[in-house]
Amino acid sequence: MNKSPSFINDVIQWDIRNWSKAIPFWKRYIKEFDGKRTMTFGEREGGLSLWLASQGADVVCTDYNEFPETTQELHKKYGLSEKISYAKEDITQISAPDNTYDIVMFKSVIGGLGSIERQEQAISELYRILKPGGYLLFAENLEATKLHTVVRKKFTNWSGYWCYPKYHQTNKLLDRFSVVEYKSHGFFATFGRSEKQRRILGSIDRSISPIIPGSWKYILFAAAQK
């Protein structure tokens, strides 16, 4: 895999120091990506699709809306366009047949569905399209603490409709899968208003994350096998 800073930046795109920790977590569960059929969701900027293609996977890169031109330009930049196709998909009503994909992925998507019921519907659809033994890999914003809730209401435009999953709800959300592994990470970096600030706060998170409760952290990394 290309490990250059610019490549990781293009894959993760924001709060890079903390969210990039999802990559080594996911790679613990997938030993071989070559030739795997994969589908990504909420991929407006195409970061996860870029990463999967760089690993050798064949990717269907999807989003609920039309893609900007910059998405395909990003994939062309790394010479990976031939590994990636594009489609519009609603994660709660996926057009793919049952048992189609080896891996399905998303990053910071299901919170935007606005309710626990729609989140459960999305996970059900992802489970449906996975082959037996296939993996759902994702990273998602968690509700975290009351402090996180207050700051989000003040500084983010989407806090009024975003439904942040709670850490303790993860087992219920993924209960249909045969194997579920997850961890949470990060406390301070989400408060940064610029990538520079998030990088500095992410350094603090790296030190304190091991000693604070999982439910206080704002990112969930998960791997669930059908």
Protein backbone atom coordinates (compact mmCIF):
# COMPACT_ATOMS: atom_id res chain seq x y z
CA MET A 1 0.00 0.00 0.00
CA ASN A 2 1.12 3.55 -0.70
CA LYS A 3 1.97 4.92 2.76
CA SER A 4 2.94 8.44 1.74
CA PRO A 5 1.35 11.26 3.76
CA SER A 6 -0.43 12.62 0.68
CA PHE A 7 -1.98 9.22 -0.06
CA ILE A 8 -3.24 8.77 3.53
CA ASN A 9 -4.60 12.32 3.44
CA ASP A 10 -6.53 11.51 0.25
CA VAL A 11 -7.93 8.31 1.76
CA ILE A 12 -9.00 9.71 5.15
CA GLN A 13 -9.58 13.38 4.18
CA TRP A 14 -10.24 14.93 7.60
CA ASP A 15 -9.07 14.47 11.21
CA ILE A 16 -6.45 12.29 9.58
CA ARG A 17 -4.34 11.41 12.62
CA ASN A 18 -7.26 9.78 14.45
CA TRP A 19 -9.39 8.35 11.63
CA SER A 20 -6.39 6.79 9.86
CA LYS A 21 -6.08 4.38 12.77
CA ALA A 22 -9.00 2.52 11.20
CA ILE A 23 -6.71 1.19 8.46
CA PRO A 24 -4.43 -1.05 10.57
CA PHE A 25 -7.50 -2.15 12.53
CA TRP A 26 -9.28 -3.31 9.34
CA LYS A 27 -6.18 -5.00 7.95
CA ARG A 28 -6.11 -7.35 10.92
CA TYR A 29 -9.20 -9.06 9.49
CA ILE A 30 -8.55 -9.06 5.73
CA LYS A 31 -5.30 -10.84 4.88
CA GLU A 32 -5.74 -10.69 1.09
CA PHE A 33 -7.52 -8.02 -0.95
CA ASP A 34 -6.50 -9.01 -4.48
CA GLY A 35 -9.53 -9.78 -6.63
CA LYS A 36 -12.02 -9.21 -3.81
CA ARG A 37 -15.40 -7.78 -4.85
CA THR A 38 -16.04 -4.72 -2.73
CA MET A 39 -18.59 -1.92 -2.42
CA THR A 40 -18.19 1.39 -0.58
CA PHE A 41 -20.94 3.77 0.56
CA GLY A 42 -21.16 7.51 1.17
CA GLU A 43 -18.06 7.91 -1.00
CA ARG A 44 -18.50 11.44 -2.32
CA GLU A 45 -14.73 12.07 -2.20
CA GLY A 46 -13.79 8.45 -2.97
CA GLY A 47 -11.27 7.90 -0.17
CA LEU A 48 -12.14 4.37 0.92
CA SER A 49 -12.48 3.27 -2.70
CA LEU A 50 -8.99 4.61 -3.36
CA TRP A 51 -7.62 2.59 -0.44
CA LEU A 52 -9.35 -0.65 -1.43
CA ALA A 53 -8.21 -0.35 -5.05
CA SER A 54 -4.64 0.27 -3.87
CA GLN A 55 -4.85 -3.06 -2.04
CA GLY A 56 -5.86 -4.88 -5.23
CA ALA A 57 -9.63 -5.07 -4.68
CA ASP A 58 -12.24 -4.41 -7.38
CA VAL A 59 -14.45 -1.60 -6.10
CA VAL A 60 -17.95 -0.30 -6.73
CA CYS A 61 -17.75 3.24 -5.33
CA THR A 62 -21.21 4.55 -4.39
CA ASP A 63 -22.91 7.61 -2.99
CA TYR A 64 -26.49 8.75 -2.54
CA ASN A 65 -25.79 11.80 -4.73
CA GLU A 66 -23.98 12.33 -8.01
CA PHE A 67 -20.19 12.32 -7.72
CA PRO A 68 -18.20 15.51 -8.31
CA GLU A 69 -15.54 15.35 -11.02
CA THR A 70 -12.86 15.39 -8.33
CA THR A 71 -13.71 11.84 -7.26
CA GLN A 72 -12.65 10.19 -10.50
CA GLU A 73 -9.76 12.63 -10.81
CA LEU A 74 -8.46 11.43 -7.44
CA HIS A 75 -8.55 7.79 -8.55
CA LYS A 76 -6.84 8.68 -11.85
CA LYS A 77 -4.12 10.49 -9.91
CA TYR A 78 -3.01 7.17 -8.43
CA GLY A 79 -3.57 5.13 -11.59
CA LEU A 80 -6.39 3.11 -10.05
CA SER A 81 -9.37 4.02 -12.24
CA GLU A 82 -9.53 0.59 -13.86
CA LYS A 83 -10.17 -0.98 -10.45
CA ILE A 84 -13.12 1.30 -9.63
CA SER A 85 -16.64 1.73 -11.02
CA TYR A 86 -19.28 4.20 -9.82
CA ALA A 87 -22.97 4.00 -8.89
CA LYS A 88 -25.69 5.86 -7.03
CA GLU A 89 -26.93 3.84 -4.06
CA ASP A 90 -29.17 4.37 -1.07
CA ILE A 91 -27.52 2.41 1.75
CA THR A 92 -30.95 1.57 3.16
CA GLN A 93 -32.16 0.09 -0.16
CA ILE A 94 -29.15 -1.33 -1.99
CA SER A 95 -29.75 -2.54 -5.54
CA ALA A 96 -27.15 -5.36 -5.41
CA PRO A 97 -28.32 -9.00 -5.18
CA ASP A 98 -27.88 -11.09 -2.05
CA ASN A 99 -24.46 -12.62 -1.33
CA THR A 100 -22.56 -10.50 -3.89
CA TYR A 101 -19.62 -8.84 -2.15
CA ASP A 102 -16.58 -9.98 -0.17
CA ILE A 103 -16.20 -6.64 1.61
CA VAL A 104 -18.50 -3.64 2.14
CA MET A 105 -17.28 -0.41 3.73
CA PHE A 106 -18.29 3.06 4.86
CA LYS A 107 -16.91 5.94 6.91
CA SER A 108 -19.09 8.43 8.79
CA VAL A 109 -22.30 7.55 6.96
CA ILE A 110 -24.99 6.00 9.12
CA GLY A 111 -25.15 8.93 11.54
CA GLY A 112 -26.55 10.94 8.66
CA LEU A 113 -29.51 8.55 8.32
CA GLY A 114 -31.09 10.38 11.25
CA SER A 115 -32.56 7.50 13.28
CA ILE A 116 -31.62 4.19 14.87
CA GLU A 117 -34.28 2.46 12.75
CA ARG A 118 -32.70 3.61 9.49
CA GLN A 119 -29.25 2.70 10.77
CA GLU A 120 -30.48 -0.82 11.52
CA GLN A 121 -32.03 -0.99 8.04
CA ALA A 122 -28.71 0.01 6.47
CA ILE A 123 -26.77 -2.62 8.40
CA SER A 124 -29.36 -5.21 7.40
CA GLU A 125 -28.87 -4.32 3.74
CA LEU A 126 -25.09 -4.49 4.04
CA TYR A 127 -25.39 -7.91 5.66
CA ARG A 128 -27.69 -9.06 2.86
CA ILE A 129 -25.31 -8.21 0.02
CA LEU A 130 -22.26 -9.75 1.71
CA LYS A 131 -21.17 -13.24 0.78
CA PRO A 132 -21.08 -15.77 3.64
CA GLY A 133 -17.80 -15.12 5.41
CA GLY A 134 -17.59 -11.60 3.98
CA TYR A 135 -16.73 -8.54 6.06
CA LEU A 136 -18.38 -5.23 6.86
CA LEU A 137 -15.61 -2.75 7.72
CA PHE A 138 -16.49 0.74 8.90
CA ALA A 139 -15.58 3.79 10.94
CA GLU A 140 -18.34 5.96 12.38
CA ASN A 141 -18.75 9.01 14.60
CA LEU A 142 -20.00 8.10 18.07
CA GLU A 143 -22.18 10.13 20.41
CA ALA A 144 -19.34 10.20 22.99
CA THR A 145 -19.89 12.63 25.92
CA LYS A 146 -22.21 15.53 26.74
CA LEU A 147 -19.28 17.85 26.00
CA HIS A 148 -19.11 16.48 22.45
CA THR A 149 -22.86 17.02 22.06
CA VAL A 150 -22.65 20.65 23.20
CA VAL A 151 -19.70 21.48 20.95
CA ARG A 152 -21.29 19.82 17.91
CA LYS A 153 -24.49 21.80 18.37
CA LYS A 154 -22.48 24.99 18.45
CA PHE A 155 -20.11 24.35 15.54
CA THR A 156 -21.70 21.88 13.10
CA ASN A 157 -24.56 22.57 10.70
CA TRP A 158 -25.75 18.95 10.67
CA SER A 159 -26.06 18.33 14.43
CA GLY A 160 -29.83 18.87 14.28
CA TYR A 161 -30.48 15.77 12.17
CA TRP A 162 -27.38 13.60 12.73
CA CYS A 163 -28.02 10.55 14.89
CA TYR A 164 -24.74 9.62 16.56
CA PRO A 165 -24.66 5.94 17.57
CA LYS A 166 -23.83 5.16 21.17
CA TYR A 167 -20.82 2.95 21.89
CA HIS A 168 -22.87 0.49 23.95
CA GLN A 169 -25.35 0.02 21.07
CA THR A 170 -22.72 -1.53 18.79
CA ASN A 171 -23.40 -5.15 19.73
CA LYS A 172 -27.12 -4.74 19.08
CA LEU A 173 -26.52 -2.97 15.76
CA LEU A 174 -24.27 -5.80 14.55
CA ASP A 175 -25.97 -8.72 16.29
CA ARG A 176 -26.74 -10.65 13.07
CA PHE A 177 -23.03 -11.06 12.24
CA SER A 178 -21.16 -14.18 13.34
CA VAL A 179 -17.98 -12.34 14.42
CA VAL A 180 -17.88 -8.74 15.62
CA GLU A 181 -14.81 -6.79 16.72
CA TYR A 182 -14.71 -3.07 17.45
CA LYS A 183 -12.89 -0.39 19.36
CA SER A 184 -13.26 3.33 19.90
CA HIS A 185 -10.66 6.06 19.72
CA GLY A 186 -10.18 9.79 20.19
CA PHE A 187 -11.54 12.43 22.53
CA PHE A 188 -10.12 15.90 21.82
CA ALA A 189 -9.32 16.07 18.11
CA THR A 190 -12.91 16.51 16.98
CA PHE A 191 -12.91 19.87 18.78
CA GLY A 192 -10.29 21.25 16.40
CA ARG A 193 -11.59 23.75 13.85
CA SER A 194 -8.76 23.14 11.37
CA GLU A 195 -6.75 20.12 10.29
CA LYS A 196 -3.69 21.59 12.02
CA GLN A 197 -5.61 21.87 15.29
CA ARG A 198 -6.99 18.35 14.90
CA ARG A 199 -3.49 17.01 14.28
CA ILE A 200 -2.20 18.61 17.50
CA LEU A 201 -5.18 17.39 19.53
CA GLY A 202 -4.83 13.97 17.92
CA SER A 203 -1.37 13.70 19.46
CA ILE A 204 -2.95 14.16 22.87
CA ASP A 205 -5.60 11.57 22.01
CA ARG A 206 -2.90 9.04 21.15
CA SER A 207 -1.64 9.32 24.74
CA ILE A 208 -4.91 9.36 26.64
CA SER A 209 -7.11 7.09 24.50
CA PRO A 210 -5.90 3.87 26.18
CA ILE A 211 -6.90 5.09 29.64
CA ILE A 212 -10.36 6.61 29.12
CA PRO A 213 -13.66 4.69 28.79
CA GLY A 214 -14.67 3.50 25.34
CA SER A 215 -18.00 5.33 25.58
CA TRP A 216 -16.22 8.68 25.97
CA LYS A 217 -14.48 8.42 22.59
CA TYR A 218 -15.91 9.79 19.36
CA ILE A 219 -14.79 7.30 16.66
CA LEU A 220 -15.81 3.67 16.32
CA PHE A 221 -13.75 1.24 14.23
CA ALA A 222 -15.51 -2.05 13.45
CA ALA A 223 -15.07 -5.32 11.57
CA ALA A 224 -18.05 -7.68 11.36
CA GLN A 225 -18.06 -11.02 9.53
CA LYS A 226 -21.19 -12.57 8.03
